[in-house]
N, C-alpha and C. Protein backbone atom coordinates (compact mmCIF):
# COMPACT_ATOMS: atom_id res chain seq x y z
N MET A 1 6.59 18.02 6.65
CA MET A 1 5.61 17.14 6.61
C MET A 1 5.22 17.24 5.55
N ASN A 2 4.38 15.98 4.92
CA ASN A 2 4.19 15.87 2.92
C ASN A 2 2.39 17.20 2.53
N SER A 3 2.95 17.80 1.55
CA SER A 3 2.09 18.64 1.16
C SER A 3 1.25 17.81 0.59
N ARG A 4 1.52 16.94 0.50
CA ARG A 4 0.06 15.85 0.07
C ARG A 4 0.15 14.57 0.57
N THR A 5 -0.70 13.68 0.87
CA THR A 5 -0.84 12.58 0.99
C THR A 5 -1.05 11.91 -0.15
N ARG A 6 0.20 10.82 -0.53
CA ARG A 6 -0.01 9.52 -1.76
C ARG A 6 -0.80 8.96 -1.89
N ILE A 7 -1.82 8.34 -2.02
CA ILE A 7 -3.12 7.21 -2.59
C ILE A 7 -2.68 5.63 -3.15
N LYS A 8 -2.47 4.97 -2.34
CA LYS A 8 -2.36 3.60 -3.03
C LYS A 8 -3.89 2.60 -2.91
N ILE A 9 -3.94 2.43 -3.94
CA ILE A 9 -5.72 1.32 -3.81
C ILE A 9 -4.66 -0.02 -4.47
N CYS A 10 -4.59 -1.35 -3.97
CA CYS A 10 -4.62 -2.68 -3.32
C CYS A 10 -5.99 -3.35 -3.78
N GLY A 11 -5.67 -4.39 -4.91
CA GLY A 11 -6.57 -5.55 -4.84
C GLY A 11 -7.46 -5.69 -5.82
N LEU A 12 -6.66 -4.88 -7.31
CA LEU A 12 -7.97 -4.43 -8.24
C LEU A 12 -7.51 -6.00 -9.11
N THR A 13 -8.83 -5.83 -9.60
CA THR A 13 -9.04 -7.73 -10.28
C THR A 13 -9.70 -7.11 -11.11
N ARG A 14 -10.02 -5.91 -12.07
CA ARG A 14 -11.20 -6.06 -13.28
C ARG A 14 -10.58 -4.41 -13.68
N GLU A 15 -10.64 -4.41 -14.79
CA GLU A 15 -10.29 -3.06 -16.14
C GLU A 15 -10.97 -2.07 -14.99
N ALA A 16 -12.50 -2.18 -15.22
CA ALA A 16 -13.40 -1.15 -14.73
C ALA A 16 -12.88 -0.30 -13.51
N ASP A 17 -12.66 -1.68 -12.94
CA ASP A 17 -11.85 -0.91 -11.56
C ASP A 17 -10.89 0.03 -11.51
N VAL A 18 -9.90 -0.36 -12.30
CA VAL A 18 -8.55 0.74 -12.65
C VAL A 18 -9.05 1.54 -12.86
N ALA A 19 -9.85 2.01 -13.81
CA ALA A 19 -10.02 3.55 -14.70
C ALA A 19 -10.61 3.94 -13.31
N ALA A 20 -11.53 3.46 -12.57
CA ALA A 20 -12.28 4.45 -11.67
C ALA A 20 -11.29 5.07 -10.43
N ALA A 21 -10.47 4.02 -10.21
CA ALA A 21 -9.57 4.23 -8.98
C ALA A 21 -8.64 5.20 -9.39
N VAL A 22 -8.23 5.53 -10.92
CA VAL A 22 -7.67 7.03 -11.56
C VAL A 22 -8.04 7.67 -11.66
N GLU A 23 -9.76 7.57 -12.18
CA GLU A 23 -10.49 8.70 -11.93
C GLU A 23 -10.52 9.46 -10.64
N ALA A 24 -10.72 8.63 -9.54
CA ALA A 24 -10.95 9.02 -8.35
C ALA A 24 -9.53 9.65 -7.82
N GLY A 25 -8.40 9.28 -8.51
CA GLY A 25 -6.93 10.07 -7.78
C GLY A 25 -6.14 9.54 -7.21
N ALA A 26 -6.29 7.87 -7.37
CA ALA A 26 -5.37 7.38 -6.92
C ALA A 26 -3.45 7.21 -7.65
N ASP A 27 -2.66 7.32 -6.76
CA ASP A 27 -1.16 7.63 -7.30
C ASP A 27 -0.77 6.13 -7.60
N ALA A 28 -1.03 4.92 -7.09
CA ALA A 28 -0.49 4.26 -6.88
C ALA A 28 -2.05 2.90 -6.94
N LEU A 29 -1.63 1.88 -7.64
CA LEU A 29 -2.55 0.83 -7.80
C LEU A 29 -1.73 -0.63 -7.68
N GLY A 30 -2.30 -1.48 -6.39
CA GLY A 30 -1.75 -2.67 -6.24
C GLY A 30 -2.40 -3.98 -6.60
N PHE A 31 -1.77 -4.65 -7.15
CA PHE A 31 -1.87 -6.03 -7.62
C PHE A 31 -1.37 -6.70 -6.95
N VAL A 32 -2.37 -8.15 -6.27
CA VAL A 32 -1.52 -8.94 -5.66
C VAL A 32 -1.44 -10.48 -6.25
N LEU A 33 -0.02 -10.86 -6.75
CA LEU A 33 0.52 -11.77 -6.81
C LEU A 33 0.46 -13.19 -5.60
N TYR A 34 -0.38 -13.17 -4.69
CA TYR A 34 0.07 -14.28 -4.03
C TYR A 34 -1.20 -14.76 -4.06
N PRO A 35 -0.90 -16.45 -4.27
CA PRO A 35 -1.84 -17.05 -4.71
C PRO A 35 -3.03 -17.59 -4.09
N LYS A 36 -2.93 -17.14 -2.51
CA LYS A 36 -4.15 -18.05 -1.65
C LYS A 36 -4.75 -16.45 -1.19
N SER A 37 -4.44 -15.39 -1.55
CA SER A 37 -5.36 -14.11 -1.37
C SER A 37 -6.83 -13.95 -2.67
N PRO A 38 -7.79 -13.54 -1.87
CA PRO A 38 -8.77 -13.84 -2.81
C PRO A 38 -8.95 -12.73 -4.11
N ARG A 39 -7.81 -11.68 -3.65
CA ARG A 39 -7.74 -10.97 -4.84
C ARG A 39 -6.08 -11.02 -5.72
N HIS A 40 -5.89 -12.17 -5.64
CA HIS A 40 -4.99 -12.34 -6.58
C HIS A 40 -5.35 -12.78 -7.70
N VAL A 41 -3.81 -12.20 -8.63
CA VAL A 41 -4.35 -11.98 -9.91
C VAL A 41 -3.36 -12.86 -10.50
N SER A 42 -2.83 -12.80 -11.85
CA SER A 42 -1.74 -13.71 -12.81
C SER A 42 -0.98 -12.82 -12.74
N PRO A 43 0.42 -12.70 -12.83
CA PRO A 43 0.96 -11.80 -13.92
C PRO A 43 1.09 -11.22 -15.02
N GLU A 44 0.21 -12.31 -15.24
CA GLU A 44 -0.19 -11.95 -16.90
C GLU A 44 -1.11 -11.15 -16.99
N ARG A 45 -2.62 -11.12 -15.92
CA ARG A 45 -3.21 -10.51 -15.78
C ARG A 45 -2.70 -8.95 -15.11
N ALA A 46 -1.56 -9.07 -14.08
CA ALA A 46 -1.65 -7.51 -13.84
C ALA A 46 -0.82 -6.59 -15.01
N ALA A 47 -0.21 -7.56 -15.39
CA ALA A 47 0.25 -6.68 -16.64
C ALA A 47 -0.94 -6.32 -17.54
N LYS A 48 -1.81 -6.60 -18.20
CA LYS A 48 -3.27 -6.54 -19.06
C LYS A 48 -3.45 -5.33 -17.68
N LEU A 49 -3.45 -5.36 -16.67
CA LEU A 49 -4.60 -4.56 -15.91
C LEU A 49 -3.64 -3.14 -15.64
N ALA A 50 -2.34 -3.30 -15.75
CA ALA A 50 -1.60 -2.12 -15.40
C ALA A 50 -1.20 -1.60 -16.97
N HIS A 51 -1.89 -1.99 -17.77
CA HIS A 51 -1.69 -1.16 -19.32
C HIS A 51 -2.73 -0.27 -19.74
N GLU A 52 -3.44 -0.13 -18.59
CA GLU A 52 -4.09 0.66 -18.51
C GLU A 52 -3.46 1.82 -17.69
N LEU A 53 -2.72 1.96 -17.19
CA LEU A 53 -2.89 3.05 -16.29
C LEU A 53 -1.63 3.94 -17.26
N PRO A 54 -2.62 5.33 -17.03
CA PRO A 54 -1.99 6.68 -17.44
C PRO A 54 -0.13 6.94 -16.73
N PRO A 55 0.40 7.81 -17.81
CA PRO A 55 1.55 7.96 -16.59
C PRO A 55 1.23 8.81 -15.40
N PHE A 56 2.28 8.96 -14.73
CA PHE A 56 2.26 9.02 -13.19
C PHE A 56 1.24 8.19 -12.23
N VAL A 57 1.18 7.40 -12.95
CA VAL A 57 0.46 6.43 -11.61
C VAL A 57 0.98 5.13 -11.57
N THR A 58 1.67 4.68 -10.46
CA THR A 58 1.79 3.16 -10.36
C THR A 58 1.62 2.45 -10.22
N ALA A 59 2.09 0.87 -10.89
CA ALA A 59 2.00 -0.28 -10.48
C ALA A 59 2.80 -0.78 -8.82
N VAL A 60 2.37 -1.42 -8.40
CA VAL A 60 2.40 -2.06 -7.43
C VAL A 60 2.68 -3.62 -7.60
N LEU A 61 3.19 -4.38 -7.56
CA LEU A 61 3.06 -5.75 -7.30
C LEU A 61 3.52 -6.41 -5.74
N LEU A 62 2.22 -6.90 -5.19
CA LEU A 62 2.43 -7.27 -4.03
C LEU A 62 3.02 -9.05 -3.90
N PHE A 63 4.28 -9.05 -3.20
CA PHE A 63 4.25 -10.76 -3.08
C PHE A 63 4.43 -11.19 -1.63
N VAL A 64 3.89 -12.40 -1.57
CA VAL A 64 4.46 -13.18 0.27
C VAL A 64 5.35 -14.35 -0.10
N ASN A 65 6.41 -13.89 0.85
CA ASN A 65 7.30 -15.05 0.26
C ASN A 65 7.21 -16.22 -1.08
N ALA A 66 7.65 -15.03 -1.75
CA ALA A 66 7.37 -15.62 -3.68
C ALA A 66 9.26 -16.22 -3.48
N PRO A 67 9.32 -17.73 -4.60
CA PRO A 67 10.29 -17.62 -4.93
C PRO A 67 10.85 -16.18 -6.02
N ALA A 68 12.40 -16.38 -5.91
CA ALA A 68 12.69 -15.51 -6.95
C ALA A 68 12.66 -15.37 -8.58
N ALA A 69 12.02 -16.90 -8.67
CA ALA A 69 11.99 -16.86 -10.03
C ALA A 69 10.81 -16.22 -10.28
N ASP A 70 9.57 -16.02 -9.68
CA ASP A 70 8.47 -16.00 -9.80
C ASP A 70 8.40 -14.42 -9.87
N ILE A 71 9.47 -13.40 -9.02
CA ILE A 71 9.24 -12.30 -9.05
C ILE A 71 9.94 -11.53 -10.02
N ALA A 72 11.25 -12.53 -10.06
CA ALA A 72 11.77 -12.24 -11.44
C ALA A 72 10.81 -12.26 -13.21
N ALA A 73 10.11 -13.30 -13.04
CA ALA A 73 9.11 -13.66 -14.00
C ALA A 73 8.22 -12.02 -14.29
N ALA A 74 7.50 -11.99 -13.11
CA ALA A 74 6.55 -10.93 -12.84
C ALA A 74 7.33 -9.71 -13.22
N ARG A 75 8.63 -8.81 -13.11
CA ARG A 75 9.18 -8.03 -13.08
C ARG A 75 9.24 -7.69 -14.81
N ALA A 76 9.62 -8.88 -15.22
CA ALA A 76 10.10 -9.06 -16.76
C ALA A 76 8.53 -8.73 -17.52
N LEU A 77 7.56 -9.09 -17.07
CA LEU A 77 5.74 -8.23 -17.24
C LEU A 77 5.81 -7.46 -17.59
N LEU A 78 6.37 -6.75 -15.91
CA LEU A 78 6.24 -5.37 -15.29
C LEU A 78 7.37 -4.30 -15.00
N PRO A 79 7.93 -4.30 -16.26
CA PRO A 79 9.58 -3.53 -16.27
C PRO A 79 9.67 -2.58 -15.19
N HIS A 80 8.69 -1.49 -15.06
CA HIS A 80 8.77 -0.35 -14.46
C HIS A 80 7.71 -0.56 -12.76
N ALA A 81 7.24 -1.36 -12.32
CA ALA A 81 6.15 -1.99 -10.87
C ALA A 81 7.23 -1.22 -9.72
N THR A 82 6.69 -1.14 -9.03
CA THR A 82 7.21 -1.11 -7.37
C THR A 82 6.84 -2.23 -6.65
N LEU A 83 7.49 -2.95 -5.85
CA LEU A 83 7.23 -4.13 -5.57
C LEU A 83 7.10 -3.98 -4.13
N GLN A 84 6.27 -4.78 -3.61
CA GLN A 84 5.50 -4.84 -2.35
C GLN A 84 5.75 -5.99 -1.46
N PHE A 85 6.59 -5.99 -0.39
CA PHE A 85 6.90 -7.43 0.28
C PHE A 85 6.17 -7.28 1.42
N HIS A 86 5.27 -8.48 1.93
CA HIS A 86 4.28 -8.80 2.41
C HIS A 86 4.44 -10.23 3.82
N GLY A 87 5.29 -10.85 3.04
CA GLY A 87 5.49 -12.13 4.08
C GLY A 87 7.07 -11.97 5.00
N ASP A 88 7.83 -13.07 5.22
CA ASP A 88 8.72 -12.97 6.14
C ASP A 88 10.32 -11.99 5.34
N GLU A 89 10.15 -12.14 4.21
CA GLU A 89 11.32 -11.38 3.29
C GLU A 89 12.44 -10.74 4.07
N SER A 90 13.70 -11.38 4.15
CA SER A 90 14.75 -10.52 4.66
C SER A 90 15.47 -9.32 3.66
N PRO A 91 15.85 -8.32 4.42
CA PRO A 91 16.59 -7.54 3.54
C PRO A 91 17.71 -7.61 2.73
N ALA A 92 18.05 -8.73 2.27
CA ALA A 92 18.58 -9.08 1.28
C ALA A 92 17.88 -9.77 0.34
N ASP A 93 16.60 -10.18 0.43
CA ASP A 93 15.39 -10.72 -0.38
C ASP A 93 15.14 -9.87 -0.92
N CYS A 94 14.39 -8.78 -0.53
CA CYS A 94 14.21 -7.54 -1.36
C CYS A 94 14.83 -6.77 -1.90
N ASP A 95 16.19 -6.62 -1.49
CA ASP A 95 17.02 -5.72 -2.62
C ASP A 95 17.81 -6.69 -4.01
N ALA A 96 17.41 -8.07 -3.67
CA ALA A 96 17.75 -8.84 -4.61
C ALA A 96 16.91 -9.20 -5.97
N ALA A 97 15.96 -8.17 -5.44
CA ALA A 97 13.96 -8.30 -6.80
C ALA A 97 15.27 -6.99 -7.53
N GLY A 98 15.80 -6.36 -7.09
CA GLY A 98 16.02 -5.27 -7.91
C GLY A 98 15.39 -4.71 -8.88
N ARG A 99 14.18 -3.67 -7.90
CA ARG A 99 13.27 -3.01 -7.88
C ARG A 99 13.45 -2.41 -6.79
N PRO A 100 12.62 -0.92 -6.90
CA PRO A 100 12.30 0.11 -5.50
C PRO A 100 10.99 -1.02 -5.06
N TYR A 101 11.27 -0.93 -3.46
CA TYR A 101 10.05 -1.77 -2.85
C TYR A 101 9.54 -1.40 -2.11
N LEU A 102 8.29 -1.73 -1.57
CA LEU A 102 8.21 -1.36 0.02
C LEU A 102 7.82 -2.48 0.95
N ARG A 103 8.05 -2.51 1.89
CA ARG A 103 8.15 -3.62 3.17
C ARG A 103 7.10 -3.39 3.84
N ALA A 104 6.47 -4.11 3.79
CA ALA A 104 4.99 -4.20 5.18
C ALA A 104 5.57 -4.87 6.42
N VAL A 105 4.86 -4.19 7.75
CA VAL A 105 5.43 -4.51 9.48
C VAL A 105 3.77 -4.64 9.71
N ARG A 106 4.01 -5.96 10.20
CA ARG A 106 2.46 -6.70 11.02
C ARG A 106 2.64 -5.74 12.35
N MET A 107 1.69 -4.25 12.49
CA MET A 107 2.08 -3.53 13.91
C MET A 107 1.24 -4.82 15.04
N ALA A 108 1.92 -4.89 15.78
CA ALA A 108 1.49 -5.28 16.95
C ALA A 108 2.46 -4.66 18.28
N PRO A 109 1.12 -4.68 19.28
CA PRO A 109 2.45 -4.27 20.73
C PRO A 109 3.78 -5.20 20.91
N GLY A 110 4.76 -4.28 21.30
CA GLY A 110 6.50 -4.79 20.90
C GLY A 110 7.34 -4.66 19.83
N VAL A 111 6.33 -4.12 18.29
CA VAL A 111 7.26 -4.32 16.75
C VAL A 111 8.22 -3.17 17.43
N ASP A 112 9.08 -3.34 16.96
CA ASP A 112 10.23 -1.74 17.18
C ASP A 112 10.39 -1.38 15.71
N LEU A 113 9.69 -0.56 15.28
CA LEU A 113 9.67 -0.11 14.23
C LEU A 113 10.82 0.95 13.84
N LEU A 114 11.45 1.19 14.80
CA LEU A 114 12.69 1.98 14.33
C LEU A 114 13.97 1.02 14.09
N ASP A 115 14.24 -0.33 15.14
CA ASP A 115 14.71 -1.14 14.22
C ASP A 115 14.41 -1.80 12.96
N PHE A 116 12.79 -1.74 12.52
CA PHE A 116 12.77 -2.56 11.57
C PHE A 116 13.26 -1.76 10.44
N ALA A 117 13.04 -0.46 10.54
CA ALA A 117 13.53 0.50 9.60
C ALA A 117 15.08 0.75 9.15
N HIS A 118 15.68 0.55 9.83
CA HIS A 118 17.32 0.46 10.23
C HIS A 118 17.62 -0.64 10.03
N ARG A 119 17.10 -2.03 9.73
CA ARG A 119 17.25 -3.09 8.82
C ARG A 119 16.63 -3.33 7.22
N PHE A 120 15.91 -2.21 7.21
CA PHE A 120 15.49 -2.54 5.34
C PHE A 120 15.67 -0.81 5.56
N PRO A 121 16.91 -0.52 4.91
CA PRO A 121 17.31 0.33 4.46
C PRO A 121 17.06 1.16 3.27
N ASN A 122 16.84 0.22 2.55
CA ASN A 122 16.98 0.19 1.24
C ASN A 122 15.25 0.24 0.57
N ALA A 123 14.52 0.60 1.38
CA ALA A 123 13.21 0.55 1.31
C ALA A 123 12.69 2.03 1.09
N GLN A 124 11.90 1.99 0.19
CA GLN A 124 11.31 3.52 -0.54
C GLN A 124 10.45 4.17 0.85
N ALA A 125 9.53 3.15 1.89
CA ALA A 125 8.74 3.52 2.41
C ALA A 125 8.45 1.73 3.20
N LEU A 126 8.14 2.20 4.81
CA LEU A 126 7.45 1.07 5.39
C LEU A 126 5.72 1.00 5.15
N LEU A 127 5.16 -0.29 4.67
CA LEU A 127 3.88 0.14 4.82
C LEU A 127 3.17 -0.66 6.12
N LEU A 128 2.45 -0.15 7.21
CA LEU A 128 2.01 -0.84 8.67
C LEU A 128 0.98 -1.34 8.22
N ASP A 129 0.40 -2.45 8.56
CA ASP A 129 -0.21 -3.00 8.57
C ASP A 129 -0.86 -4.14 9.80
N ALA A 130 -2.20 -4.11 10.39
CA ALA A 130 -2.30 -5.06 11.34
C ALA A 130 -1.52 -6.15 11.40
N ALA A 131 -1.47 -6.64 12.64
CA ALA A 131 -0.91 -8.03 12.66
C ALA A 131 -2.23 -9.10 12.84
N VAL A 132 -2.75 -9.88 12.20
CA VAL A 132 -3.73 -10.70 11.95
C VAL A 132 -2.95 -12.44 11.27
N ASP A 133 -4.08 -13.35 11.66
CA ASP A 133 -3.57 -14.47 11.00
C ASP A 133 -3.26 -14.76 9.70
N GLY A 134 -2.72 -15.07 9.05
CA GLY A 134 -2.38 -14.95 7.95
C GLY A 134 -1.95 -13.95 7.66
N TRP A 135 -1.42 -13.83 5.66
CA TRP A 135 -1.31 -12.31 5.24
C TRP A 135 -2.04 -11.33 4.87
N GLY A 136 -1.74 -9.84 5.21
CA GLY A 136 -2.58 -8.83 5.44
C GLY A 136 -2.92 -8.44 6.03
N GLY A 137 -3.99 -7.02 6.30
CA GLY A 137 -4.69 -6.92 7.52
C GLY A 137 -5.58 -7.47 7.94
N GLY A 138 -6.55 -7.98 6.73
CA GLY A 138 -8.15 -8.28 6.58
C GLY A 138 -9.05 -7.36 7.31
N GLY A 139 -8.71 -6.51 7.10
CA GLY A 139 -9.32 -5.22 7.45
C GLY A 139 -9.81 -4.96 8.48
N LYS A 140 -8.25 -5.22 9.24
CA LYS A 140 -8.28 -4.81 10.42
C LYS A 140 -7.54 -3.58 10.64
N VAL A 141 -7.68 -2.55 11.77
CA VAL A 141 -7.11 -1.42 12.07
C VAL A 141 -6.01 -1.81 13.20
N PHE A 142 -4.97 -1.23 13.18
CA PHE A 142 -4.05 -1.58 14.12
C PHE A 142 -4.50 -0.23 15.20
N ASP A 143 -3.64 -0.34 16.22
CA ASP A 143 -3.55 1.06 17.49
C ASP A 143 -2.72 1.89 16.79
N TRP A 144 -3.00 2.95 16.20
CA TRP A 144 -2.08 3.89 15.98
C TRP A 144 -0.61 4.62 16.55
N SER A 145 -1.17 3.96 17.93
CA SER A 145 -0.10 4.57 19.05
C SER A 145 1.08 4.25 18.51
N LEU A 146 1.09 2.54 18.13
CA LEU A 146 2.09 1.91 17.70
C LEU A 146 3.27 2.76 17.26
N ILE A 147 3.26 4.15 16.28
CA ILE A 147 3.71 4.35 15.50
C ILE A 147 4.61 5.34 16.21
N PRO A 148 5.90 5.45 16.18
CA PRO A 148 6.67 6.29 16.76
C PRO A 148 7.05 7.73 15.93
N GLN A 149 6.90 8.88 16.22
CA GLN A 149 6.99 10.02 15.70
C GLN A 149 8.42 10.36 15.59
N ASP A 150 9.08 9.25 15.53
CA ASP A 150 10.70 9.61 15.51
C ASP A 150 11.35 9.00 14.71
N LEU A 151 10.89 8.30 13.40
CA LEU A 151 10.88 7.83 12.38
C LEU A 151 11.96 8.63 11.81
N PRO A 152 13.36 7.77 11.30
CA PRO A 152 14.54 8.68 10.57
C PRO A 152 14.02 7.81 8.78
N ALA A 153 14.63 8.67 8.36
CA ALA A 153 14.90 8.27 7.10
C ALA A 153 15.98 7.40 6.57
N PRO A 154 14.84 6.35 5.91
CA PRO A 154 13.72 6.71 4.77
C PRO A 154 12.88 6.44 5.43
N GLY A 155 12.78 5.77 6.70
CA GLY A 155 11.40 4.49 7.43
C GLY A 155 10.40 5.59 7.68
N ALA A 156 11.14 7.11 7.93
CA ALA A 156 10.21 8.32 7.66
C ALA A 156 9.10 8.44 6.80
N ARG A 157 9.49 7.31 5.59
CA ARG A 157 8.15 7.19 4.56
C ARG A 157 7.34 6.50 4.96
N VAL A 158 6.87 6.22 5.71
CA VAL A 158 5.23 5.53 6.32
C VAL A 158 4.34 5.60 5.13
N VAL A 159 3.24 4.39 4.53
CA VAL A 159 2.31 4.27 4.36
C VAL A 159 1.19 3.33 5.36
N LEU A 160 0.31 3.98 5.44
CA LEU A 160 -0.69 3.65 6.60
C LEU A 160 -1.52 2.79 6.08
N SER A 161 -1.74 1.56 6.25
CA SER A 161 -2.77 0.69 5.66
C SER A 161 -3.33 0.05 6.51
N GLY A 162 -4.31 -0.82 6.58
CA GLY A 162 -5.00 -1.58 7.97
C GLY A 162 -5.98 -1.31 7.67
N GLY A 163 -7.31 -1.45 7.28
CA GLY A 163 -8.71 -1.35 7.72
C GLY A 163 -9.06 0.14 7.76
N LEU A 164 -8.46 0.89 6.61
CA LEU A 164 -8.59 1.85 6.40
C LEU A 164 -10.11 2.21 5.52
N ASN A 165 -10.49 3.09 5.34
CA ASN A 165 -12.01 3.13 4.98
C ASN A 165 -12.59 4.55 4.81
N PRO A 166 -13.50 5.09 3.74
CA PRO A 166 -13.72 7.18 4.01
C PRO A 166 -13.83 7.37 4.74
N ALA A 167 -14.43 6.48 6.33
CA ALA A 167 -14.73 6.62 7.16
C ALA A 167 -13.81 7.69 8.32
N ASN A 168 -12.90 6.04 8.17
CA ASN A 168 -11.61 6.49 9.28
C ASN A 168 -10.06 7.18 8.70
N VAL A 169 -10.32 7.40 7.23
CA VAL A 169 -8.89 8.20 6.69
C VAL A 169 -8.32 9.25 7.39
N ILE A 170 -9.42 9.93 7.37
CA ILE A 170 -8.82 11.57 7.76
C ILE A 170 -8.56 11.35 9.17
N ASP A 171 -9.13 10.52 10.11
CA ASP A 171 -8.15 10.41 11.39
C ASP A 171 -6.99 9.94 11.37
N GLY A 172 -6.80 9.01 10.93
CA GLY A 172 -5.34 8.14 10.05
C GLY A 172 -4.56 9.02 9.82
N VAL A 173 -5.08 9.99 8.80
CA VAL A 173 -3.88 10.88 8.36
C VAL A 173 -3.68 11.86 9.35
N LEU A 174 -4.11 12.55 9.73
CA LEU A 174 -4.24 13.26 11.26
C LEU A 174 -2.98 12.79 12.01
N HIS A 175 -3.72 11.70 12.55
CA HIS A 175 -2.83 11.02 13.96
C HIS A 175 -1.54 11.03 13.43
N ALA A 176 -1.23 10.32 12.01
CA ALA A 176 0.27 9.14 11.66
C ALA A 176 0.58 10.47 10.67
N ARG A 177 -0.03 11.44 9.95
CA ARG A 177 0.57 12.06 9.18
C ARG A 177 1.45 11.40 7.96
N PRO A 178 1.17 10.28 7.74
CA PRO A 178 2.10 9.08 7.20
C PRO A 178 2.43 10.02 5.35
N PHE A 179 3.31 8.84 4.32
CA PHE A 179 3.72 9.71 3.14
C PHE A 179 2.42 9.56 2.35
N ALA A 180 1.86 7.97 2.70
CA ALA A 180 0.54 7.64 2.04
C ALA A 180 -0.46 7.09 2.83
N VAL A 181 -1.36 6.48 2.01
CA VAL A 181 -2.41 5.87 2.83
C VAL A 181 -2.38 4.64 1.73
N ASP A 182 -2.96 3.70 2.19
CA ASP A 182 -3.27 2.04 1.56
C ASP A 182 -4.61 1.71 2.13
N VAL A 183 -5.77 1.14 0.57
CA VAL A 183 -6.77 0.77 1.28
C VAL A 183 -6.96 -0.47 0.52
N SER A 184 -7.41 -0.55 0.81
CA SER A 184 -8.65 -2.56 -0.07
C SER A 184 -9.68 -2.87 0.21
N SER A 185 -10.12 -3.57 1.08
CA SER A 185 -11.21 -3.93 1.38
C SER A 185 -12.03 -2.44 1.75
N GLY A 186 -11.64 -1.62 2.00
CA GLY A 186 -12.37 -0.20 2.85
C GLY A 186 -13.39 0.21 1.68
N VAL A 187 -12.61 0.11 0.30
CA VAL A 187 -13.57 0.64 -1.00
C VAL A 187 -14.36 -0.70 -1.92
N GLU A 188 -13.89 -2.04 -1.29
CA GLU A 188 -14.89 -2.59 -2.09
C GLU A 188 -16.32 -3.20 -1.31
N SER A 189 -16.99 -3.62 -2.73
CA SER A 189 -18.68 -4.39 -2.39
C SER A 189 -18.29 -5.80 -2.31
N ALA A 190 -17.54 -6.36 -2.63
CA ALA A 190 -16.77 -7.55 -2.51
C ALA A 190 -15.48 -7.91 -2.62
N LYS A 191 -14.85 -8.78 -2.17
CA LYS A 191 -13.80 -8.99 -2.53
C LYS A 191 -13.22 -9.00 -3.54
N GLY A 192 -12.00 -8.43 -3.93
CA GLY A 192 -11.40 -7.96 -5.41
C GLY A 192 -12.12 -7.06 -6.67
N ILE A 193 -13.66 -7.09 -5.66
CA ILE A 193 -14.43 -6.01 -6.16
C ILE A 193 -14.57 -4.35 -6.12
N LYS A 194 -14.16 -3.53 -6.74
CA LYS A 194 -14.04 -2.51 -6.34
C LYS A 194 -15.37 -1.56 -6.74
N ASP A 195 -15.81 -0.65 -5.87
CA ASP A 195 -16.63 0.23 -5.60
C ASP A 195 -16.28 1.24 -5.90
N ALA A 196 -16.69 1.87 -6.51
CA ALA A 196 -16.08 3.66 -7.83
C ALA A 196 -16.22 4.66 -6.88
N ALA A 197 -17.65 4.51 -6.33
CA ALA A 197 -18.30 5.71 -5.18
C ALA A 197 -17.37 5.77 -4.03
N LEU A 198 -16.93 4.37 -3.43
CA LEU A 198 -16.15 4.19 -2.30
C LEU A 198 -14.95 4.91 -2.71
N MET A 199 -14.40 4.24 -3.46
CA MET A 199 -13.02 5.08 -4.01
C MET A 199 -13.04 6.22 -4.45
N ARG A 200 -13.76 6.95 -4.78
CA ARG A 200 -14.16 8.17 -4.75
C ARG A 200 -13.73 9.32 -3.10
N ARG A 201 -14.85 8.56 -2.87
CA ARG A 201 -15.41 8.90 -1.68
C ARG A 201 -13.94 9.12 0.04
N PHE A 202 -12.90 8.00 -0.25
CA PHE A 202 -11.80 7.97 -0.12
C PHE A 202 -10.81 8.93 -0.32
N CYS A 203 -10.85 9.18 -1.88
CA CYS A 203 -9.89 9.85 -2.13
C CYS A 203 -10.10 11.33 -1.52
N GLU A 204 -11.79 12.05 -1.95
CA GLU A 204 -11.72 12.93 -1.00
C GLU A 204 -11.44 12.77 -0.05
N ALA A 205 -11.57 12.31 0.79
CA ALA A 205 -11.49 11.87 2.83
C ALA A 205 -9.95 12.77 2.68
N VAL A 206 -9.03 11.60 2.28
CA VAL A 206 -7.89 12.11 2.23
C VAL A 206 -7.14 13.55 1.77
N ARG A 207 -7.85 14.19 0.76
CA ARG A 207 -8.08 15.80 0.22
C ARG A 207 -8.02 16.18 1.18
N GLU A 208 -9.38 15.98 2.29
CA GLU A 208 -9.75 16.92 2.73
C GLU A 208 -9.03 16.80 4.55
N ALA A 209 -8.18 15.70 4.08
CA ALA A 209 -6.85 15.55 5.69
C ALA A 209 -6.31 16.55 5.44
N ASP A 210 -5.68 16.29 4.23
CA ASP A 210 -4.49 17.05 3.66
C ASP A 210 -4.79 18.85 4.12
N ALA A 211 -5.99 19.47 4.24
CA ALA A 211 -7.01 20.82 3.86
C ALA A 211 -6.61 21.01 5.22
N ARG A 212 -6.81 20.18 6.04
CA ARG A 212 -7.18 20.17 7.15
C ARG A 212 -4.62 20.58 8.15
N LEU A 213 -4.42 19.81 7.45
CA LEU A 213 -3.20 19.51 7.85
C LEU A 213 -2.88 20.64 7.31
N ALA A 214 -3.08 21.40 6.37
CA ALA A 214 -2.29 22.98 5.52
C ALA A 214 -2.91 23.51 6.86
N ASN A 215 -4.18 23.49 7.26
CA ASN A 215 -4.82 24.62 8.18
C ASN A 215 -4.06 24.91 9.26
N LEU A 216 -3.79 23.84 9.74
CA LEU A 216 -2.62 23.62 11.80
C LEU A 216 -1.57 24.43 10.98
N ALA A 217 -0.74 24.17 9.50
CA ALA A 217 0.45 24.65 9.54
C ALA A 217 0.70 26.27 9.56
N THR A 218 -0.24 27.10 9.30
CA THR A 218 -0.59 28.31 9.05
C THR A 218 -1.29 28.85 10.27
């Protein structure tokens, strides 16, 4: 079991929100480079926002079926960023990017997560999101019972996503016991506009869940 659940806040677009997310305790911040997303930022804008990050807070660049040239251009601007693939990318596509990466999984009945983990052995973690029209979870929670309890490494590193917010993340952590949680719309006042108080409450709720897990283990 993880001693501490990591926290990723995704869809940052403003310097003030980056500062507030870091202050709240986020371990990673996600920047959406998918042009059709309401939270989209350019690689140049992502690099400027990521420049505000202190040591040990990771920048994550989210792509959806992006051309290899676009990924390479973004990598050049943010050479230390982790990548997140959220579309139909194959294992070869993900590996070719040459950076540590997360692979999103659209969770729905019938999805074989064990097979998915075996097909993407080089993924640092699998990010579990709701299956909805388009890309991304759309703020929807999926059925957490779809997560198997016997994922092998490295697939055992699960990032729980999809409709999380300060009110439900404790239940999500207690049920799935993920390596990390990922939130976007659940800490927003508008699409792409984060709410500092909600980010703080979200991080506090994750720490509360960790404390409960620690008590269960003793």
